[in-house]
């Protein structure tokens, strides 16, 4: 088996984007609401990150489980078209994961309804160790019985000297650092948004220095906490990096922004960018994705990203602690 850069582990979904003109605050139970537009795209932590990393020039594979249905066929066809191999050969009896993203054009906000089916059915038997001959594992959210598989992946990564990036969503972060300790102590890089970091640490503090240092104590040598359009904070060794002014772009949809940022950041680390430039690469990739509908639409090539980095000249400050 030839060596590759990243194995992306997590879910694969079919996302349906619905736009409504009414503000959510005006809706009540029993309302019948007209939908202005409907768009269907593929998504999910494993395939979003794999697609983004591949576009940035890395050799990537996925480990995701889909159902034996048309949605599963759609996802696998897309992966094949992008030259991304899925090392999970089995199909689940469960339905392929689905997500419905309802956005209000009035309030510029959204509600996401998620059904976890096939991705919660991923077992260690689906992931032969011989296929894990990569330099990095990008571990997104696994729920249900797949959570045990996530623990086994973290242990295997340490045994095989593979660096692990952990990017859990809110409903996994809510399990807390104690339940996730098996993964955290084997994690090299953790990336969370502010709400996920607060949930994992069981705190309501908005002090990013506290969040970052507490995350690092859990095991990761690098911790990154994003805060939407307000920017991001990262801790490496004894230095906090802060970006508080993001690119001024039109936000159409934010689905996939987190995966785009994390993938861009990881690509920068793998390609030996300076740490602050790796953060810039992630932010630029996310800024491009939020201008489109769909978690993968707008993902940048490395050349495109470098041009945008020159255009926006994002200022990142450093503080020793």
Protein backbone atom coordinates (compact mmCIF):
# COMPACT_ATOMS: atom_id res chain seq x y z
CA UNK A 1 0.00 0.00 0.00
CA UNK A 2 1.35 3.43 -0.94
CA UNK A 3 1.64 6.13 1.71
CA UNK A 4 -0.90 8.97 1.62
CA UNK A 5 -1.33 12.17 3.57
CA UNK A 6 -4.69 12.11 5.40
CA UNK A 7 -7.44 9.63 6.26
CA UNK A 8 -10.70 11.51 6.88
CA UNK A 9 -13.02 9.69 9.26
CA UNK A 10 -16.60 10.71 9.99
CA UNK A 11 -19.96 11.08 8.33
CA UNK A 12 -21.14 11.45 4.77
CA UNK A 13 -24.50 13.15 4.30
CA UNK A 14 -26.88 14.44 1.71
CA UNK A 15 -27.76 18.02 2.67
CA UNK A 16 -30.96 19.78 1.63
CA UNK A 17 -30.88 23.58 1.90
CA UNK A 18 -34.24 25.32 2.32
CA UNK A 19 -34.58 29.11 2.30
CA UNK A 20 -37.61 30.82 3.83
CA UNK A 21 -38.47 34.53 3.83
CA UNK A 22 -40.03 34.59 7.29
CA UNK A 23 -38.01 35.19 10.47
CA UNK A 24 -37.91 32.18 12.79
CA UNK A 25 -39.18 34.37 15.62
CA UNK A 26 -42.48 34.86 13.78
CA UNK A 27 -43.20 31.14 13.37
CA UNK A 28 -45.49 29.15 15.62
CA UNK A 29 -46.55 25.52 15.88
CA UNK A 30 -48.87 24.50 13.05
CA UNK A 31 -47.67 27.16 10.58
CA UNK A 32 -47.42 26.28 6.91
CA UNK A 33 -44.41 28.10 5.48
CA UNK A 34 -43.55 28.63 1.84
CA UNK A 35 -39.99 27.67 0.89
CA UNK A 36 -38.30 30.10 -1.48
CA UNK A 37 -35.58 27.77 -2.78
CA UNK A 38 -34.37 24.18 -2.44
CA UNK A 39 -30.79 23.03 -3.13
CA UNK A 40 -29.39 19.52 -2.55
CA UNK A 41 -25.66 18.91 -1.98
CA UNK A 42 -23.44 16.27 -0.39
CA UNK A 43 -21.80 17.00 2.95
CA UNK A 44 -20.59 15.41 6.18
CA UNK A 45 -17.36 15.78 8.13
CA UNK A 46 -15.45 13.00 6.34
CA UNK A 47 -16.29 13.94 2.77
CA UNK A 48 -16.18 17.73 3.30
CA UNK A 49 -12.66 17.52 4.75
CA UNK A 50 -11.48 14.99 2.17
CA UNK A 51 -12.71 17.13 -0.70
CA UNK A 52 -11.12 20.28 0.72
CA UNK A 53 -7.77 18.60 1.40
CA UNK A 54 -7.70 17.01 -2.05
CA UNK A 55 -8.37 20.38 -3.69
CA UNK A 56 -5.41 21.77 -1.74
CA UNK A 57 -3.18 19.15 -3.32
CA UNK A 58 -2.98 16.39 -0.71
CA UNK A 59 -3.39 12.62 -1.14
CA UNK A 60 -6.52 11.72 0.79
CA UNK A 61 -8.77 8.76 1.59
CA UNK A 62 -12.01 8.58 3.57
CA UNK A 63 -13.41 6.15 6.09
CA UNK A 64 -17.14 6.71 6.09
CA UNK A 65 -20.12 4.39 5.97
CA UNK A 66 -23.11 5.01 3.73
CA UNK A 67 -26.38 3.17 3.26
CA UNK A 68 -27.22 0.82 0.42
CA UNK A 69 -29.42 3.49 -1.17
CA UNK A 70 -29.38 6.18 -3.84
CA UNK A 71 -27.95 8.80 -1.49
CA UNK A 72 -25.08 6.43 -0.70
CA UNK A 73 -24.52 5.88 -4.42
CA UNK A 74 -24.43 9.65 -4.97
CA UNK A 75 -21.78 10.17 -2.29
CA UNK A 76 -19.54 7.32 -3.47
CA UNK A 77 -19.82 8.50 -7.06
CA UNK A 78 -18.72 12.00 -6.03
CA UNK A 79 -15.76 10.63 -4.09
CA UNK A 80 -14.66 8.54 -7.04
CA UNK A 81 -14.94 11.55 -9.35
CA UNK A 82 -12.61 13.48 -7.03
CA UNK A 83 -10.14 10.60 -6.93
CA UNK A 84 -10.83 9.88 -3.25
CA UNK A 85 -10.92 6.24 -2.14
CA UNK A 86 -13.28 5.21 0.65
CA UNK A 87 -11.57 2.44 2.63
CA UNK A 88 -14.88 1.39 4.25
CA UNK A 89 -16.05 -1.25 1.81
CA UNK A 90 -19.25 -2.30 3.59
CA UNK A 91 -22.61 -0.60 3.13
CA UNK A 92 -24.90 -0.12 6.10
CA UNK A 93 -28.45 -1.41 6.44
CA UNK A 94 -29.21 1.99 7.87
CA UNK A 95 -30.18 4.94 5.70
CA UNK A 96 -27.41 7.28 4.53
CA UNK A 97 -27.13 10.30 6.82
CA UNK A 98 -29.37 13.26 5.98
CA UNK A 99 -29.34 16.90 6.98
CA UNK A 100 -31.88 19.65 6.31
CA UNK A 101 -30.63 23.22 6.67
CA UNK A 102 -33.44 25.77 7.00
CA UNK A 103 -32.29 29.36 6.59
CA UNK A 104 -34.24 32.55 7.19
CA UNK A 105 -33.36 35.34 4.78
CA UNK A 106 -34.82 37.83 7.27
CA UNK A 107 -32.77 36.85 10.30
CA UNK A 108 -29.67 35.54 8.51
CA UNK A 109 -29.78 32.49 10.75
CA UNK A 110 -30.40 28.78 10.34
CA UNK A 111 -31.74 25.60 11.89
CA UNK A 112 -30.06 22.29 11.02
CA UNK A 113 -31.97 19.02 11.36
CA UNK A 114 -29.67 15.98 11.23
CA UNK A 115 -30.46 12.29 10.91
CA UNK A 116 -27.58 9.99 11.81
CA UNK A 117 -28.02 6.63 10.15
CA UNK A 118 -25.23 4.79 8.34
CA UNK A 119 -22.37 6.82 9.82
CA UNK A 120 -23.31 5.59 13.31
CA UNK A 121 -22.78 2.04 12.01
CA UNK A 122 -19.03 2.29 11.36
CA UNK A 123 -17.10 -0.47 13.15
CA UNK A 124 -13.42 -1.29 13.49
CA UNK A 125 -14.01 -4.26 11.17
CA UNK A 126 -14.73 -1.74 8.41
CA UNK A 127 -11.27 -0.17 8.85
CA UNK A 128 -8.41 -2.61 8.26
CA UNK A 129 -5.22 -1.38 9.93
CA UNK A 130 -3.30 -2.10 6.72
CA UNK A 131 -5.26 0.75 5.08
CA UNK A 132 -4.20 3.25 7.75
CA UNK A 133 -0.80 3.98 6.20
CA UNK A 134 -1.18 7.75 6.34
CA UNK A 135 0.63 10.62 8.04
CA UNK A 136 -2.51 12.20 9.56
CA UNK A 137 -6.01 11.17 10.56
CA UNK A 138 -8.73 13.84 10.46
CA UNK A 139 -11.28 12.57 12.98
CA UNK A 140 -14.66 14.27 12.69
CA UNK A 141 -17.76 13.33 14.68
CA UNK A 142 -18.79 9.70 15.05
CA UNK A 143 -21.93 8.96 17.08
CA UNK A 144 -23.84 5.88 18.22
CA UNK A 145 -21.85 2.66 18.21
CA UNK A 146 -19.33 4.36 15.93
CA UNK A 147 -18.10 6.33 18.94
CA UNK A 148 -16.31 3.22 20.17
CA UNK A 149 -14.67 3.02 16.75
CA UNK A 150 -13.41 6.57 17.21
CA UNK A 151 -11.67 5.49 20.44
CA UNK A 152 -10.07 2.55 18.62
CA UNK A 153 -8.92 4.84 15.80
CA UNK A 154 -7.26 7.18 18.32
CA UNK A 155 -5.42 4.25 19.90
CA UNK A 156 -4.38 2.89 16.50
CA UNK A 157 -3.09 6.31 15.48
CA UNK A 158 -0.80 6.42 18.51
CA UNK A 159 0.38 2.84 17.92
CA UNK A 160 1.18 3.54 14.27
CA UNK A 161 2.70 6.98 15.00
CA UNK A 162 0.00 8.79 12.99
CA UNK A 163 -0.78 12.39 13.96
CA UNK A 164 -4.44 12.89 14.90
CA UNK A 165 -6.57 15.98 14.32
CA UNK A 166 -9.85 15.94 16.26
CA UNK A 167 -12.76 18.11 15.10
CA UNK A 168 -15.88 17.11 17.08
CA UNK A 169 -19.28 18.74 16.60
CA UNK A 170 -21.36 20.11 19.47
CA UNK A 171 -23.27 16.90 20.24
CA UNK A 172 -20.01 15.00 20.64
CA UNK A 173 -18.25 17.81 22.53
CA UNK A 174 -21.15 17.82 25.02
CA UNK A 175 -20.02 14.40 26.25
CA UNK A 176 -17.21 16.24 28.00
CA UNK A 177 -13.48 15.82 28.34
CA UNK A 178 -13.72 12.82 30.68
CA UNK A 179 -15.74 10.68 28.26
CA UNK A 180 -13.56 11.77 25.34
CA UNK A 181 -10.25 11.42 27.19
CA UNK A 182 -9.16 8.37 25.16
CA UNK A 183 -9.27 10.48 22.02
CA UNK A 184 -8.01 13.73 23.55
CA UNK A 185 -4.84 12.27 25.04
CA UNK A 186 -3.91 10.86 21.62
CA UNK A 187 -4.78 14.08 19.73
CA UNK A 188 -2.09 16.33 18.23
CA UNK A 189 -4.45 19.09 17.05
CA UNK A 190 -7.97 19.93 18.23
CA UNK A 191 -10.19 22.42 16.42
CA UNK A 192 -13.50 23.60 17.90
CA UNK A 193 -15.76 26.61 17.71
CA UNK A 194 -16.31 28.55 20.93
CA UNK A 195 -19.58 26.82 21.85
CA UNK A 196 -18.04 23.37 21.28
CA UNK A 197 -15.00 24.26 23.40
CA UNK A 198 -17.25 25.50 26.22
CA UNK A 199 -19.32 22.31 26.04
CA UNK A 200 -16.30 20.00 26.07
CA UNK A 201 -14.79 21.82 29.07
CA UNK A 202 -18.17 22.32 30.80
CA UNK A 203 -17.67 26.05 31.19
CA UNK A 204 -19.45 29.24 30.18
CA UNK A 205 -16.34 31.40 30.09
CA UNK A 206 -15.61 33.57 27.05
CA UNK A 207 -11.93 33.81 28.00
CA UNK A 208 -10.15 32.30 25.00
CA UNK A 209 -6.84 32.01 26.84
CA UNK A 210 -8.56 29.85 29.46
CA UNK A 211 -10.31 27.73 26.82
CA UNK A 212 -7.10 27.14 24.88
CA UNK A 213 -4.93 26.30 27.88
CA UNK A 214 -7.54 23.92 29.31
CA UNK A 215 -7.88 22.17 25.95
CA UNK A 216 -4.12 21.78 25.73
CA UNK A 217 -4.08 20.21 29.21
CA UNK A 218 -6.38 17.46 27.84
CA UNK A 219 -3.61 16.26 25.52
CA UNK A 220 -3.46 18.19 22.22
CA UNK A 221 -0.25 20.14 21.60
CA UNK A 222 -2.17 22.56 19.33
CA UNK A 223 -5.62 23.95 20.20
CA UNK A 224 -7.70 26.19 17.94
CA UNK A 225 -10.99 27.86 18.90
CA UNK A 226 -12.94 29.70 16.20
CA UNK A 227 -15.55 32.38 16.82
CA UNK A 228 -17.39 32.84 13.53
CA UNK A 229 -16.99 36.24 11.90
CA UNK A 230 -15.25 37.46 15.07
CA UNK A 231 -12.17 35.42 14.17
CA UNK A 232 -10.15 32.73 15.93
CA UNK A 233 -7.60 31.99 18.63
CA UNK A 234 -4.92 29.28 18.62
CA UNK A 235 -2.37 27.98 21.09
CA UNK A 236 0.89 26.37 20.05
CA UNK A 237 3.62 25.77 22.62
CA UNK A 238 3.48 28.91 24.77
CA UNK A 239 2.13 31.31 22.16
CA UNK A 240 -1.45 32.43 21.54
CA UNK A 241 -2.28 33.49 17.99
CA UNK A 242 -5.26 35.81 17.53
CA UNK A 243 -7.14 36.81 14.38
CA UNK A 244 -9.96 39.24 15.15
CA UNK A 245 -10.77 40.69 11.73
CA UNK A 246 -12.06 38.25 9.13
CA UNK A 247 -12.45 38.88 5.37
CA UNK A 248 -15.38 41.14 4.56
CA UNK A 249 -17.36 38.85 2.27
CA UNK A 250 -21.06 38.26 1.65
CA UNK A 251 -22.28 35.35 3.75
CA UNK A 252 -24.72 33.13 1.86
CA UNK A 253 -24.55 29.91 3.93
CA UNK A 254 -22.20 28.86 6.72
CA UNK A 255 -22.62 25.08 6.33
CA UNK A 256 -19.20 23.53 5.76
CA UNK A 257 -17.26 26.56 6.98
CA UNK A 258 -15.78 24.69 9.94
CA UNK A 259 -14.62 21.78 7.78
CA UNK A 260 -13.17 24.21 5.21
CA UNK A 261 -11.23 26.07 7.90
CA UNK A 262 -9.93 22.95 9.63
CA UNK A 263 -8.92 21.31 6.35
CA UNK A 264 -7.13 24.44 5.17
CA UNK A 265 -5.31 24.76 8.48
CA UNK A 266 -4.26 21.09 8.42
CA UNK A 267 -3.10 21.40 4.81
CA UNK A 268 -0.95 24.35 5.86
CA UNK A 269 0.63 22.32 8.67
CA UNK A 270 1.33 19.37 6.37
CA UNK A 271 2.80 21.63 3.69
CA UNK A 272 5.10 23.24 6.28
CA UNK A 273 3.53 26.70 6.19
CA UNK A 274 4.43 29.05 9.02
CA UNK A 275 1.86 28.48 11.79
CA UNK A 276 0.14 31.85 11.27
CA UNK A 277 -0.02 31.25 7.50
CA UNK A 278 -1.65 27.84 8.12
CA UNK A 279 -4.32 29.67 10.13
CA UNK A 280 -4.72 32.19 7.28
CA UNK A 281 -5.10 29.37 4.75
CA UNK A 282 -7.90 27.87 6.84
CA UNK A 283 -9.69 31.20 7.29
CA UNK A 284 -9.49 32.04 3.59
CA UNK A 285 -10.88 28.63 2.63
CA UNK A 286 -13.80 29.06 5.05
CA UNK A 287 -14.45 32.60 3.78
CA UNK A 288 -14.79 31.26 0.26
CA UNK A 289 -17.19 28.44 1.23
CA UNK A 290 -19.61 30.72 3.10
CA UNK A 291 -20.21 32.68 -0.09
CA UNK A 292 -21.87 29.63 -1.70
CA UNK A 293 -24.67 27.15 -1.02
CA UNK A 294 -23.20 23.76 -0.16
CA UNK A 295 -20.47 22.56 2.16
CA UNK A 296 -18.05 21.75 -0.67
CA UNK A 297 -18.91 24.51 -3.14
CA UNK A 298 -16.32 27.25 -2.91
CA UNK A 299 -13.48 25.11 -1.58
CA UNK A 300 -10.21 26.50 -2.92
CA UNK A 301 -7.14 25.11 -4.63
CA UNK A 302 -3.83 26.09 -3.08
CA UNK A 303 -3.18 28.58 -5.87
CA UNK A 304 -6.57 30.22 -5.42
CA UNK A 305 -6.09 30.37 -1.66
CA UNK A 306 -2.68 32.02 -1.95
CA UNK A 307 -4.15 34.73 -4.20
CA UNK A 308 -6.89 35.41 -1.63
CA UNK A 309 -4.35 35.46 1.20
CA UNK A 310 -2.45 38.19 -0.64
CA UNK A 311 -5.68 40.09 -1.27
CA UNK A 312 -6.98 40.13 2.30
CA UNK A 313 -3.67 40.26 4.25
CA UNK A 314 -5.18 38.88 7.47
CA UNK A 315 -3.51 40.25 10.58
CA UNK A 316 -2.61 37.63 13.21
CA UNK A 317 -1.08 38.77 16.46
CA UNK A 318 1.06 36.66 18.78
CA UNK A 319 1.28 36.70 22.57
CA UNK A 320 3.64 34.63 24.70
CA UNK A 321 2.10 33.14 27.83
